[in-house]
Every structure is written in structure tokens, then in C-alpha cells.
mmCIF file of all heavy atoms, coordinates in Angstrom:
data_MODEL
# 
_entry.id   MODEL 
# 
loop_
_atom_site.group_PDB 
_atom_site.id 
_atom_site.type_symbol 
_atom_site.label_atom_id 
_atom_site.label_alt_id 
_atom_site.label_comp_id 
_atom_site.label_asym_id 
_atom_site.label_entity_id 
_atom_site.label_seq_id 
_atom_site.pdbx_PDB_ins_code 
_atom_site.Cartn_x 
_atom_site.Cartn_y 
_atom_site.Cartn_z 
_atom_site.occupancy 
_atom_site.B_iso_or_equiv 
_atom_site.pdbx_formal_charge 
_atom_site.auth_seq_id 
_atom_site.auth_comp_id 
_atom_site.auth_asym_id 
_atom_site.auth_atom_id 
_atom_site.pdbx_PDB_model_num 
ATOM 1   N N   . ILE A 1 1  ? -14.633 -4.867  3.929   1.00 0.00 ? 1  ILE A N   1 
ATOM 2   C CA  . ILE A 1 1  ? -14.310 -3.655  4.689   1.00 0.00 ? 1  ILE A CA  1 
ATOM 3   C C   . ILE A 1 1  ? -13.236 -2.814  3.988   1.00 0.00 ? 1  ILE A C   1 
ATOM 4   O O   . ILE A 1 1  ? -12.837 -1.761  4.503   1.00 0.00 ? 1  ILE A O   1 
ATOM 5   C CB  . ILE A 1 1  ? -13.812 -4.007  6.107   1.00 0.00 ? 1  ILE A CB  1 
ATOM 6   C CG1 . ILE A 1 1  ? -12.526 -4.857  6.047   1.00 0.00 ? 1  ILE A CG1 1 
ATOM 7   C CG2 . ILE A 1 1  ? -14.895 -4.727  6.906   1.00 0.00 ? 1  ILE A CG2 1 
ATOM 8   C CD1 . ILE A 1 1  ? -11.840 -5.045  7.381   1.00 0.00 ? 1  ILE A CD1 1 
ATOM 9   N N   . GLY A 1 2  ? -12.741 -3.285  2.863   1.00 0.00 ? 2  GLY A N   1 
ATOM 10  C CA  . GLY A 1 2  ? -11.614 -2.613  2.212   1.00 0.00 ? 2  GLY A CA  1 
ATOM 11  C C   . GLY A 1 2  ? -11.950 -2.040  0.857   1.00 0.00 ? 2  GLY A C   1 
ATOM 12  O O   . GLY A 1 2  ? -13.109 -1.965  0.437   1.00 0.00 ? 2  GLY A O   1 
ATOM 13  N N   . ARG A 1 3  ? -10.911 -1.623  0.188   1.00 0.00 ? 3  ARG A N   1 
ATOM 14  C CA  . ARG A 1 3  ? -11.028 -1.095  -1.177  1.00 0.00 ? 3  ARG A CA  1 
ATOM 15  C C   . ARG A 1 3  ? -9.727  -1.414  -1.897  1.00 0.00 ? 3  ARG A C   1 
ATOM 16  O O   . ARG A 1 3  ? -8.711  -1.713  -1.251  1.00 0.00 ? 3  ARG A O   1 
ATOM 17  C CB  . ARG A 1 3  ? -11.279 0.412   -1.188  1.00 0.00 ? 3  ARG A CB  1 
ATOM 18  C CG  . ARG A 1 3  ? -10.100 1.293   -0.771  1.00 0.00 ? 3  ARG A CG  1 
ATOM 19  C CD  . ARG A 1 3  ? -10.107 1.579   0.700   1.00 0.00 ? 3  ARG A CD  1 
ATOM 20  N NE  . ARG A 1 3  ? -9.022  2.486   1.105   1.00 0.00 ? 3  ARG A NE  1 
ATOM 21  C CZ  . ARG A 1 3  ? -8.617  2.591   2.357   1.00 0.00 ? 3  ARG A CZ  1 
ATOM 22  N NH1 . ARG A 1 3  ? -9.156  1.849   3.312   1.00 0.00 ? 3  ARG A NH1 1 
ATOM 23  N NH2 . ARG A 1 3  ? -7.660  3.442   2.665   1.00 0.00 ? 3  ARG A NH2 1 
ATOM 24  N N   . GLU A 1 4  ? -9.750  -1.336  -3.212  1.00 0.00 ? 4  GLU A N   1 
ATOM 25  C CA  . GLU A 1 4  ? -8.553  -1.594  -3.994  1.00 0.00 ? 4  GLU A CA  1 
ATOM 26  C C   . GLU A 1 4  ? -7.792  -0.296  -4.240  1.00 0.00 ? 4  GLU A C   1 
ATOM 27  O O   . GLU A 1 4  ? -8.393  0.770   -4.420  1.00 0.00 ? 4  GLU A O   1 
ATOM 28  C CB  . GLU A 1 4  ? -8.911  -2.262  -5.323  1.00 0.00 ? 4  GLU A CB  1 
ATOM 29  C CG  . GLU A 1 4  ? -9.411  -3.689  -5.168  1.00 0.00 ? 4  GLU A CG  1 
ATOM 30  C CD  . GLU A 1 4  ? -9.498  -4.421  -6.493  1.00 0.00 ? 4  GLU A CD  1 
ATOM 31  O OE1 . GLU A 1 4  ? -9.041  -3.850  -7.514  1.00 0.00 ? 4  GLU A OE1 1 
ATOM 32  O OE2 . GLU A 1 4  ? -9.994  -5.569  -6.511  1.00 0.00 ? 4  GLU A OE2 1 
ATOM 33  N N   . MET A 1 5  ? -6.461  -0.406  -4.218  1.00 0.00 ? 5  MET A N   1 
ATOM 34  C CA  . MET A 1 5  ? -5.594  0.724   -4.523  1.00 0.00 ? 5  MET A CA  1 
ATOM 35  C C   . MET A 1 5  ? -4.469  0.248   -5.433  1.00 0.00 ? 5  MET A C   1 
ATOM 36  O O   . MET A 1 5  ? -4.005  -0.900  -5.314  1.00 0.00 ? 5  MET A O   1 
ATOM 37  C CB  . MET A 1 5  ? -5.016  1.341   -3.241  1.00 0.00 ? 5  MET A CB  1 
ATOM 38  C CG  . MET A 1 5  ? -6.040  1.970   -2.317  1.00 0.00 ? 5  MET A CG  1 
ATOM 39  S SD  . MET A 1 5  ? -5.286  2.764   -0.853  1.00 0.00 ? 5  MET A SD  1 
ATOM 40  C CE  . MET A 1 5  ? -4.407  4.115   -1.624  1.00 0.00 ? 5  MET A CE  1 
ATOM 41  N N   . GLU A 1 6  ? -4.029  1.128   -6.312  1.00 0.00 ? 6  GLU A N   1 
ATOM 42  C CA  . GLU A 1 6  ? -2.958  0.789   -7.255  1.00 0.00 ? 6  GLU A CA  1 
ATOM 43  C C   . GLU A 1 6  ? -1.761  1.708   -7.045  1.00 0.00 ? 6  GLU A C   1 
ATOM 44  O O   . GLU A 1 6  ? -1.920  2.896   -6.728  1.00 0.00 ? 6  GLU A O   1 
ATOM 45  C CB  . GLU A 1 6  ? -3.466  0.885   -8.700  1.00 0.00 ? 6  GLU A CB  1 
ATOM 46  C CG  . GLU A 1 6  ? -4.560  -0.113  -9.024  1.00 0.00 ? 6  GLU A CG  1 
ATOM 47  C CD  . GLU A 1 6  ? -4.996  -0.025  -10.483 1.00 0.00 ? 6  GLU A CD  1 
ATOM 48  O OE1 . GLU A 1 6  ? -4.506  0.884   -11.200 1.00 0.00 ? 6  GLU A OE1 1 
ATOM 49  O OE2 . GLU A 1 6  ? -5.824  -0.865  -10.902 1.00 0.00 ? 6  GLU A OE2 1 
ATOM 50  N N   . PHE A 1 7  ? -0.567  1.135   -7.206  1.00 0.00 ? 7  PHE A N   1 
ATOM 51  C CA  . PHE A 1 7  ? 0.681   1.892   -7.078  1.00 0.00 ? 7  PHE A CA  1 
ATOM 52  C C   . PHE A 1 7  ? 1.570   1.527   -8.266  1.00 0.00 ? 7  PHE A C   1 
ATOM 53  O O   . PHE A 1 7  ? 1.709   0.341   -8.615  1.00 0.00 ? 7  PHE A O   1 
ATOM 54  C CB  . PHE A 1 7  ? 1.391   1.565   -5.771  1.00 0.00 ? 7  PHE A CB  1 
ATOM 55  C CG  . PHE A 1 7  ? 0.572   1.867   -4.540  1.00 0.00 ? 7  PHE A CG  1 
ATOM 56  C CD1 . PHE A 1 7  ? -0.205  0.875   -3.946  1.00 0.00 ? 7  PHE A CD1 1 
ATOM 57  C CD2 . PHE A 1 7  ? 0.555   3.142   -4.001  1.00 0.00 ? 7  PHE A CD2 1 
ATOM 58  C CE1 . PHE A 1 7  ? -0.963  1.146   -2.826  1.00 0.00 ? 7  PHE A CE1 1 
ATOM 59  C CE2 . PHE A 1 7  ? -0.200  3.421   -2.875  1.00 0.00 ? 7  PHE A CE2 1 
ATOM 60  C CZ  . PHE A 1 7  ? -0.965  2.425   -2.292  1.00 0.00 ? 7  PHE A CZ  1 
ATOM 61  N N   . GLY A 1 8  ? 2.183   2.542   -8.858  1.00 0.00 ? 8  GLY A N   1 
ATOM 62  C CA  . GLY A 1 8  ? 3.043   2.313   -10.005 1.00 0.00 ? 8  GLY A CA  1 
ATOM 63  C C   . GLY A 1 8  ? 4.410   1.813   -9.599  1.00 0.00 ? 8  GLY A C   1 
ATOM 64  O O   . GLY A 1 8  ? 4.854   1.981   -8.450  1.00 0.00 ? 8  GLY A O   1 
ATOM 65  N N   . ALA A 1 9  ? 5.111   1.187   -10.529 1.00 0.00 ? 9  ALA A N   1 
ATOM 66  C CA  . ALA A 1 9  ? 6.459   0.674   -10.280 1.00 0.00 ? 9  ALA A CA  1 
ATOM 67  C C   . ALA A 1 9  ? 7.356   1.796   -9.755  1.00 0.00 ? 9  ALA A C   1 
ATOM 68  O O   . ALA A 1 9  ? 7.380   2.898   -10.298 1.00 0.00 ? 9  ALA A O   1 
ATOM 69  C CB  . ALA A 1 9  ? 7.035   0.096   -11.564 1.00 0.00 ? 9  ALA A CB  1 
ATOM 70  N N   . GLY A 1 10 ? 8.070   1.514   -8.670  1.00 0.00 ? 10 GLY A N   1 
ATOM 71  C CA  . GLY A 1 10 ? 8.963   2.492   -8.059  1.00 0.00 ? 10 GLY A CA  1 
ATOM 72  C C   . GLY A 1 10 ? 8.282   3.397   -7.046  1.00 0.00 ? 10 GLY A C   1 
ATOM 73  O O   . GLY A 1 10 ? 8.961   4.162   -6.345  1.00 0.00 ? 10 GLY A O   1 
ATOM 74  N N   . GLU A 1 11 ? 6.968   3.302   -6.915  1.00 0.00 ? 11 GLU A N   1 
ATOM 75  C CA  . GLU A 1 11 ? 6.235   4.176   -5.998  1.00 0.00 ? 11 GLU A CA  1 
ATOM 76  C C   . GLU A 1 11 ? 6.291   3.622   -4.575  1.00 0.00 ? 11 GLU A C   1 
ATOM 77  O O   . GLU A 1 11 ? 6.085   2.432   -4.335  1.00 0.00 ? 11 GLU A O   1 
ATOM 78  C CB  . GLU A 1 11 ? 4.785   4.314   -6.444  1.00 0.00 ? 11 GLU A CB  1 
ATOM 79  C CG  . GLU A 1 11 ? 3.971   5.296   -5.602  1.00 0.00 ? 11 GLU A CG  1 
ATOM 80  C CD  . GLU A 1 11 ? 2.558   5.477   -6.141  1.00 0.00 ? 11 GLU A CD  1 
ATOM 81  O OE1 . GLU A 1 11 ? 2.241   4.917   -7.213  1.00 0.00 ? 11 GLU A OE1 1 
ATOM 82  O OE2 . GLU A 1 11 ? 1.762   6.167   -5.473  1.00 0.00 ? 11 GLU A OE2 1 
ATOM 83  N N   . THR A 1 12 ? 6.580   4.507   -3.599  1.00 0.00 ? 12 THR A N   1 
ATOM 84  C CA  . THR A 1 12 ? 6.584   4.121   -2.189  1.00 0.00 ? 12 THR A CA  1 
ATOM 85  C C   . THR A 1 12 ? 5.164   4.168   -1.653  1.00 0.00 ? 12 THR A C   1 
ATOM 86  O O   . THR A 1 12 ? 4.494   5.197   -1.746  1.00 0.00 ? 12 THR A O   1 
ATOM 87  C CB  . THR A 1 12 ? 7.479   5.067   -1.366  1.00 0.00 ? 12 THR A CB  1 
ATOM 88  O OG1 . THR A 1 12 ? 8.837   4.942   -1.826  1.00 0.00 ? 12 THR A OG1 1 
ATOM 89  C CG2 . THR A 1 12 ? 7.418   4.728   0.118   1.00 0.00 ? 12 THR A CG2 1 
ATOM 90  N N   . PHE A 1 13 ? 4.698   3.056   -1.101  1.00 0.00 ? 13 PHE A N   1 
ATOM 91  C CA  . PHE A 1 13 ? 3.339   3.035   -0.563  1.00 0.00 ? 13 PHE A CA  1 
ATOM 92  C C   . PHE A 1 13 ? 3.319   2.942   0.964   1.00 0.00 ? 13 PHE A C   1 
ATOM 93  O O   . PHE A 1 13 ? 2.279   3.109   1.584   1.00 0.00 ? 13 PHE A O   1 
ATOM 94  C CB  . PHE A 1 13 ? 2.504   1.913   -1.191  1.00 0.00 ? 13 PHE A CB  1 
ATOM 95  C CG  . PHE A 1 13 ? 3.074   0.530   -1.040  1.00 0.00 ? 13 PHE A CG  1 
ATOM 96  C CD1 . PHE A 1 13 ? 2.784   -0.246  0.062   1.00 0.00 ? 13 PHE A CD1 1 
ATOM 97  C CD2 . PHE A 1 13 ? 3.889   -0.008  -2.035  1.00 0.00 ? 13 PHE A CD2 1 
ATOM 98  C CE1 . PHE A 1 13 ? 3.289   -1.515  0.200   1.00 0.00 ? 13 PHE A CE1 1 
ATOM 99  C CE2 . PHE A 1 13 ? 4.413   -1.289  -1.911  1.00 0.00 ? 13 PHE A CE2 1 
ATOM 100 C CZ  . PHE A 1 13 ? 4.117   -2.050  -0.786  1.00 0.00 ? 13 PHE A CZ  1 
ATOM 101 N N   . VAL A 1 14 ? 4.468   2.701   1.590   1.00 0.00 ? 14 VAL A N   1 
ATOM 102 C CA  . VAL A 1 14 ? 4.640   2.826   3.040   1.00 0.00 ? 14 VAL A CA  1 
ATOM 103 C C   . VAL A 1 14 ? 5.946   3.572   3.271   1.00 0.00 ? 14 VAL A C   1 
ATOM 104 O O   . VAL A 1 14 ? 7.013   3.078   2.914   1.00 0.00 ? 14 VAL A O   1 
ATOM 105 C CB  . VAL A 1 14 ? 4.684   1.455   3.749   1.00 0.00 ? 14 VAL A CB  1 
ATOM 106 C CG1 . VAL A 1 14 ? 4.951   1.654   5.244   1.00 0.00 ? 14 VAL A CG1 1 
ATOM 107 C CG2 . VAL A 1 14 ? 3.386   0.680   3.550   1.00 0.00 ? 14 VAL A CG2 1 
ATOM 108 N N   . ALA A 1 15 ? 5.871   4.753   3.851   1.00 0.00 ? 15 ALA A N   1 
ATOM 109 C CA  . ALA A 1 15 ? 7.076   5.555   4.102   1.00 0.00 ? 15 ALA A CA  1 
ATOM 110 C C   . ALA A 1 15 ? 7.707   5.155   5.434   1.00 0.00 ? 15 ALA A C   1 
ATOM 111 O O   . ALA A 1 15 ? 7.008   4.749   6.372   1.00 0.00 ? 15 ALA A O   1 
ATOM 112 C CB  . ALA A 1 15 ? 6.726   7.038   4.107   1.00 0.00 ? 15 ALA A CB  1 
ATOM 113 N N   . LEU A 1 16 ? 9.024   5.250   5.519   1.00 0.00 ? 16 LEU A N   1 
ATOM 114 C CA  . LEU A 1 16 ? 9.727   4.987   6.768   1.00 0.00 ? 16 LEU A CA  1 
ATOM 115 C C   . LEU A 1 16 ? 9.232   5.955   7.840   1.00 0.00 ? 16 LEU A C   1 
ATOM 116 O O   . LEU A 1 16 ? 9.219   7.161   7.642   1.00 0.00 ? 16 LEU A O   1 
ATOM 117 C CB  . LEU A 1 16 ? 11.235  5.151   6.562   1.00 0.00 ? 16 LEU A CB  1 
ATOM 118 C CG  . LEU A 1 16 ? 12.117  4.980   7.806   1.00 0.00 ? 16 LEU A CG  1 
ATOM 119 C CD1 . LEU A 1 16 ? 12.014  3.570   8.344   1.00 0.00 ? 16 LEU A CD1 1 
ATOM 120 C CD2 . LEU A 1 16 ? 13.564  5.331   7.480   1.00 0.00 ? 16 LEU A CD2 1 
ATOM 121 N N   . GLY A 1 17 ? 8.807   5.410   8.972   1.00 0.00 ? 17 GLY A N   1 
ATOM 122 C CA  . GLY A 1 17 ? 8.329   6.250   10.071  1.00 0.00 ? 17 GLY A CA  1 
ATOM 123 C C   . GLY A 1 17 ? 6.890   6.694   9.956   1.00 0.00 ? 17 GLY A C   1 
ATOM 124 O O   . GLY A 1 17 ? 6.404   7.441   10.806  1.00 0.00 ? 17 GLY A O   1 
ATOM 125 N N   . ALA A 1 18 ? 6.170   6.224   8.927   1.00 0.00 ? 18 ALA A N   1 
ATOM 126 C CA  . ALA A 1 18 ? 4.756   6.577   8.772   1.00 0.00 ? 18 ALA A CA  1 
ATOM 127 C C   . ALA A 1 18 ? 3.895   5.663   9.641   1.00 0.00 ? 18 ALA A C   1 
ATOM 128 O O   . ALA A 1 18 ? 4.232   4.499   9.862   1.00 0.00 ? 18 ALA A O   1 
ATOM 129 C CB  . ALA A 1 18 ? 4.337   6.459   7.314   1.00 0.00 ? 18 ALA A CB  1 
ATOM 130 N N   . PRO A 1 19 ? 2.757   6.157   10.141  1.00 0.00 ? 19 PRO A N   1 
ATOM 131 C CA  . PRO A 1 19 ? 1.869   5.299   10.938  1.00 0.00 ? 19 PRO A CA  1 
ATOM 132 C C   . PRO A 1 19 ? 1.408   4.088   10.134  1.00 0.00 ? 19 PRO A C   1 
ATOM 133 O O   . PRO A 1 19 ? 1.054   4.204   8.959   1.00 0.00 ? 19 PRO A O   1 
ATOM 134 C CB  . PRO A 1 19 ? 0.688   6.223   11.269  1.00 0.00 ? 19 PRO A CB  1 
ATOM 135 C CG  . PRO A 1 19 ? 1.231   7.606   11.146  1.00 0.00 ? 19 PRO A CG  1 
ATOM 136 C CD  . PRO A 1 19 ? 2.255   7.546   10.052  1.00 0.00 ? 19 PRO A CD  1 
ATOM 137 N N   . MET A 1 20 ? 1.406   2.945   10.775  1.00 0.00 ? 20 MET A N   1 
ATOM 138 C CA  . MET A 1 20 ? 0.945   1.726   10.114  1.00 0.00 ? 20 MET A CA  1 
ATOM 139 C C   . MET A 1 20 ? -0.558  1.601   10.333  1.00 0.00 ? 20 MET A C   1 
ATOM 140 O O   . MET A 1 20 ? -1.024  0.856   11.197  1.00 0.00 ? 20 MET A O   1 
ATOM 141 C CB  . MET A 1 20 ? 1.707   0.511   10.646  1.00 0.00 ? 20 MET A CB  1 
ATOM 142 C CG  . MET A 1 20 ? 3.192   0.578   10.363  1.00 0.00 ? 20 MET A CG  1 
ATOM 143 S SD  . MET A 1 20 ? 4.049   -0.975  10.701  1.00 0.00 ? 20 MET A SD  1 
ATOM 144 C CE  . MET A 1 20 ? 3.338   -2.035  9.459   1.00 0.00 ? 20 MET A CE  1 
ATOM 145 N N   . ASP A 1 21 ? -1.306  2.345   9.549   1.00 0.00 ? 21 ASP A N   1 
ATOM 146 C CA  . ASP A 1 21 ? -2.744  2.451   9.752   1.00 0.00 ? 21 ASP A CA  1 
ATOM 147 C C   . ASP A 1 21 ? -3.550  1.729   8.676   1.00 0.00 ? 21 ASP A C   1 
ATOM 148 O O   . ASP A 1 21 ? -4.770  1.886   8.614   1.00 0.00 ? 21 ASP A O   1 
ATOM 149 C CB  . ASP A 1 21 ? -3.162  3.921   9.820   1.00 0.00 ? 21 ASP A CB  1 
ATOM 150 C CG  . ASP A 1 21 ? -2.685  4.727   8.616   1.00 0.00 ? 21 ASP A CG  1 
ATOM 151 O OD1 . ASP A 1 21 ? -2.122  4.125   7.680   1.00 0.00 ? 21 ASP A OD1 1 
ATOM 152 O OD2 . ASP A 1 21 ? -2.851  5.954   8.629   1.00 0.00 ? 21 ASP A OD2 1 
ATOM 153 N N   . ARG A 1 22 ? -2.862  0.919   7.831   1.00 0.00 ? 22 ARG A N   1 
ATOM 154 C CA  . ARG A 1 22 ? -3.571  0.190   6.777   1.00 0.00 ? 22 ARG A CA  1 
ATOM 155 C C   . ARG A 1 22 ? -3.018  -1.224  6.652   1.00 0.00 ? 22 ARG A C   1 
ATOM 156 O O   . ARG A 1 22 ? -1.823  -1.450  6.828   1.00 0.00 ? 22 ARG A O   1 
ATOM 157 C CB  . ARG A 1 22 ? -3.426  0.894   5.425   1.00 0.00 ? 22 ARG A CB  1 
ATOM 158 C CG  . ARG A 1 22 ? -3.926  2.322   5.372   1.00 0.00 ? 22 ARG A CG  1 
ATOM 159 C CD  . ARG A 1 22 ? -3.755  2.918   3.981   1.00 0.00 ? 22 ARG A CD  1 
ATOM 160 N NE  . ARG A 1 22 ? -2.355  2.945   3.552   1.00 0.00 ? 22 ARG A NE  1 
ATOM 161 C CZ  . ARG A 1 22 ? -1.943  3.445   2.381   1.00 0.00 ? 22 ARG A CZ  1 
ATOM 162 N NH1 . ARG A 1 22 ? -2.831  3.946   1.531   1.00 0.00 ? 22 ARG A NH1 1 
ATOM 163 N NH2 . ARG A 1 22 ? -0.662  3.446   2.064   1.00 0.00 ? 22 ARG A NH2 1 
ATOM 164 N N   . PHE A 1 23 ? -3.915  -2.156  6.353   1.00 0.00 ? 23 PHE A N   1 
ATOM 165 C CA  . PHE A 1 23 ? -3.508  -3.521  6.030   1.00 0.00 ? 23 PHE A CA  1 
ATOM 166 C C   . PHE A 1 23 ? -3.506  -3.637  4.513   1.00 0.00 ? 23 PHE A C   1 
ATOM 167 O O   . PHE A 1 23 ? -4.507  -3.332  3.850   1.00 0.00 ? 23 PHE A O   1 
ATOM 168 C CB  . PHE A 1 23 ? -4.479  -4.531  6.635   1.00 0.00 ? 23 PHE A CB  1 
ATOM 169 C CG  . PHE A 1 23 ? -4.117  -5.967  6.359   1.00 0.00 ? 23 PHE A CG  1 
ATOM 170 C CD1 . PHE A 1 23 ? -3.162  -6.610  7.127   1.00 0.00 ? 23 PHE A CD1 1 
ATOM 171 C CD2 . PHE A 1 23 ? -4.734  -6.671  5.331   1.00 0.00 ? 23 PHE A CD2 1 
ATOM 172 C CE1 . PHE A 1 23 ? -2.816  -7.932  6.873   1.00 0.00 ? 23 PHE A CE1 1 
ATOM 173 C CE2 . PHE A 1 23 ? -4.402  -7.991  5.072   1.00 0.00 ? 23 PHE A CE2 1 
ATOM 174 C CZ  . PHE A 1 23 ? -3.435  -8.623  5.852   1.00 0.00 ? 23 PHE A CZ  1 
ATOM 175 N N   . LEU A 1 24 ? -2.370  -4.063  3.951   1.00 0.00 ? 24 LEU A N   1 
ATOM 176 C CA  . LEU A 1 24 ? -2.204  -4.105  2.502   1.00 0.00 ? 24 LEU A CA  1 
ATOM 177 C C   . LEU A 1 24 ? -1.977  -5.537  2.038   1.00 0.00 ? 24 LEU A C   1 
ATOM 178 O O   . LEU A 1 24 ? -0.942  -6.146  2.339   1.00 0.00 ? 24 LEU A O   1 
ATOM 179 C CB  . LEU A 1 24 ? -1.028  -3.224  2.080   1.00 0.00 ? 24 LEU A CB  1 
ATOM 180 C CG  . LEU A 1 24 ? -1.205  -1.728  2.361   1.00 0.00 ? 24 LEU A CG  1 
ATOM 181 C CD1 . LEU A 1 24 ? -0.158  -1.247  3.353   1.00 0.00 ? 24 LEU A CD1 1 
ATOM 182 C CD2 . LEU A 1 24 ? -1.122  -0.931  1.078   1.00 0.00 ? 24 LEU A CD2 1 
ATOM 183 N N   . TYR A 1 25 ? -2.950  -6.050  1.298   1.00 0.00 ? 25 TYR A N   1 
ATOM 184 C CA  . TYR A 1 25 ? -2.890  -7.411  0.765   1.00 0.00 ? 25 TYR A CA  1 
ATOM 185 C C   . TYR A 1 25 ? -2.670  -7.309  -0.739  1.00 0.00 ? 25 TYR A C   1 
ATOM 186 O O   . TYR A 1 25 ? -3.453  -6.681  -1.462  1.00 0.00 ? 25 TYR A O   1 
ATOM 187 C CB  . TYR A 1 25 ? -4.191  -8.141  1.076   1.00 0.00 ? 25 TYR A CB  1 
ATOM 188 C CG  . TYR A 1 25 ? -4.271  -9.548  0.524   1.00 0.00 ? 25 TYR A CG  1 
ATOM 189 C CD1 . TYR A 1 25 ? -3.735  -10.614 1.237   1.00 0.00 ? 25 TYR A CD1 1 
ATOM 190 C CD2 . TYR A 1 25 ? -4.885  -9.804  -0.694  1.00 0.00 ? 25 TYR A CD2 1 
ATOM 191 C CE1 . TYR A 1 25 ? -3.803  -11.915 0.730   1.00 0.00 ? 25 TYR A CE1 1 
ATOM 192 C CE2 . TYR A 1 25 ? -4.966  -11.093 -1.204  1.00 0.00 ? 25 TYR A CE2 1 
ATOM 193 C CZ  . TYR A 1 25 ? -4.420  -12.143 -0.483  1.00 0.00 ? 25 TYR A CZ  1 
ATOM 194 O OH  . TYR A 1 25 ? -4.485  -13.429 -0.975  1.00 0.00 ? 25 TYR A OH  1 
ATOM 195 N N   . LEU A 1 26 ? -1.596  -7.913  -1.225  1.00 0.00 ? 26 LEU A N   1 
ATOM 196 C CA  . LEU A 1 26 ? -1.206  -7.769  -2.624  1.00 0.00 ? 26 LEU A CA  1 
ATOM 197 C C   . LEU A 1 26 ? -2.020  -8.713  -3.532  1.00 0.00 ? 26 LEU A C   1 
ATOM 198 O O   . LEU A 1 26 ? -1.987  -9.933  -3.360  1.00 0.00 ? 26 LEU A O   1 
ATOM 199 C CB  . LEU A 1 26 ? 0.288   -8.056  -2.777  1.00 0.00 ? 26 LEU A CB  1 
ATOM 200 C CG  . LEU A 1 26 ? 0.911   -7.808  -4.153  1.00 0.00 ? 26 LEU A CG  1 
ATOM 201 C CD1 . LEU A 1 26 ? 0.682   -6.372  -4.617  1.00 0.00 ? 26 LEU A CD1 1 
ATOM 202 C CD2 . LEU A 1 26 ? 2.411   -8.115  -4.116  1.00 0.00 ? 26 LEU A CD2 1 
ATOM 203 N N   . LEU A 1 27 ? -2.745  -8.116  -4.462  1.00 0.00 ? 27 LEU A N   1 
ATOM 204 C CA  . LEU A 1 27 ? -3.535  -8.874  -5.432  1.00 0.00 ? 27 LEU A CA  1 
ATOM 205 C C   . LEU A 1 27 ? -2.756  -9.158  -6.712  1.00 0.00 ? 27 LEU A C   1 
ATOM 206 O O   . LEU A 1 27 ? -2.785  -10.262 -7.245  1.00 0.00 ? 27 LEU A O   1 
ATOM 207 C CB  . LEU A 1 27 ? -4.827  -8.115  -5.770  1.00 0.00 ? 27 LEU A CB  1 
ATOM 208 C CG  . LEU A 1 27 ? -5.801  -7.885  -4.616  1.00 0.00 ? 27 LEU A CG  1 
ATOM 209 C CD1 . LEU A 1 27 ? -6.899  -6.913  -5.039  1.00 0.00 ? 27 LEU A CD1 1 
ATOM 210 C CD2 . LEU A 1 27 ? -6.407  -9.204  -4.142  1.00 0.00 ? 27 LEU A CD2 1 
ATOM 211 N N   . GLU A 1 28 ? -2.060  -8.125  -7.206  1.00 0.00 ? 28 GLU A N   1 
ATOM 212 C CA  . GLU A 1 28 ? -1.264  -8.263  -8.430  1.00 0.00 ? 28 GLU A CA  1 
ATOM 213 C C   . GLU A 1 28 ? 0.010   -7.445  -8.284  1.00 0.00 ? 28 GLU A C   1 
ATOM 214 O O   . GLU A 1 28 ? 0.016   -6.396  -7.644  1.00 0.00 ? 28 GLU A O   1 
ATOM 215 C CB  . GLU A 1 28 ? -2.039  -7.761  -9.657  1.00 0.00 ? 28 GLU A CB  1 
ATOM 216 C CG  . GLU A 1 28 ? -3.257  -8.575  -10.031 1.00 0.00 ? 28 GLU A CG  1 
ATOM 217 C CD  . GLU A 1 28 ? -3.966  -7.997  -11.249 1.00 0.00 ? 28 GLU A CD  1 
ATOM 218 O OE1 . GLU A 1 28 ? -3.479  -6.983  -11.796 1.00 0.00 ? 28 GLU A OE1 1 
ATOM 219 O OE2 . GLU A 1 28 ? -5.006  -8.547  -11.651 1.00 0.00 ? 28 GLU A OE2 1 
ATOM 220 N N   . GLY A 1 29 ? 1.094   -7.929  -8.899  1.00 0.00 ? 29 GLY A N   1 
ATOM 221 C CA  . GLY A 1 29 ? 2.334   -7.175  -8.924  1.00 0.00 ? 29 GLY A CA  1 
ATOM 222 C C   . GLY A 1 29 ? 3.397   -7.733  -8.008  1.00 0.00 ? 29 GLY A C   1 
ATOM 223 O O   . GLY A 1 29 ? 3.339   -8.875  -7.546  1.00 0.00 ? 29 GLY A O   1 
# 
């Protein structure tokens, strides 16, 4: 039901006060 997403070092992927509308499972990093 999901897809892969990548984020670079130092990148914010959940902002303070943002809706928690995604489940994020860490594969690498």
C-alpha cells in the first residue's frame, strides 16, 4: 500500500505542527 521516498541529510520530513498523515518506516539511513 506504500511507496519509497528519499530525504537528504539535514532535510525535515515531518514539520512541527504538520498533520500526521503518513506512516514512515525507515529502510536505510
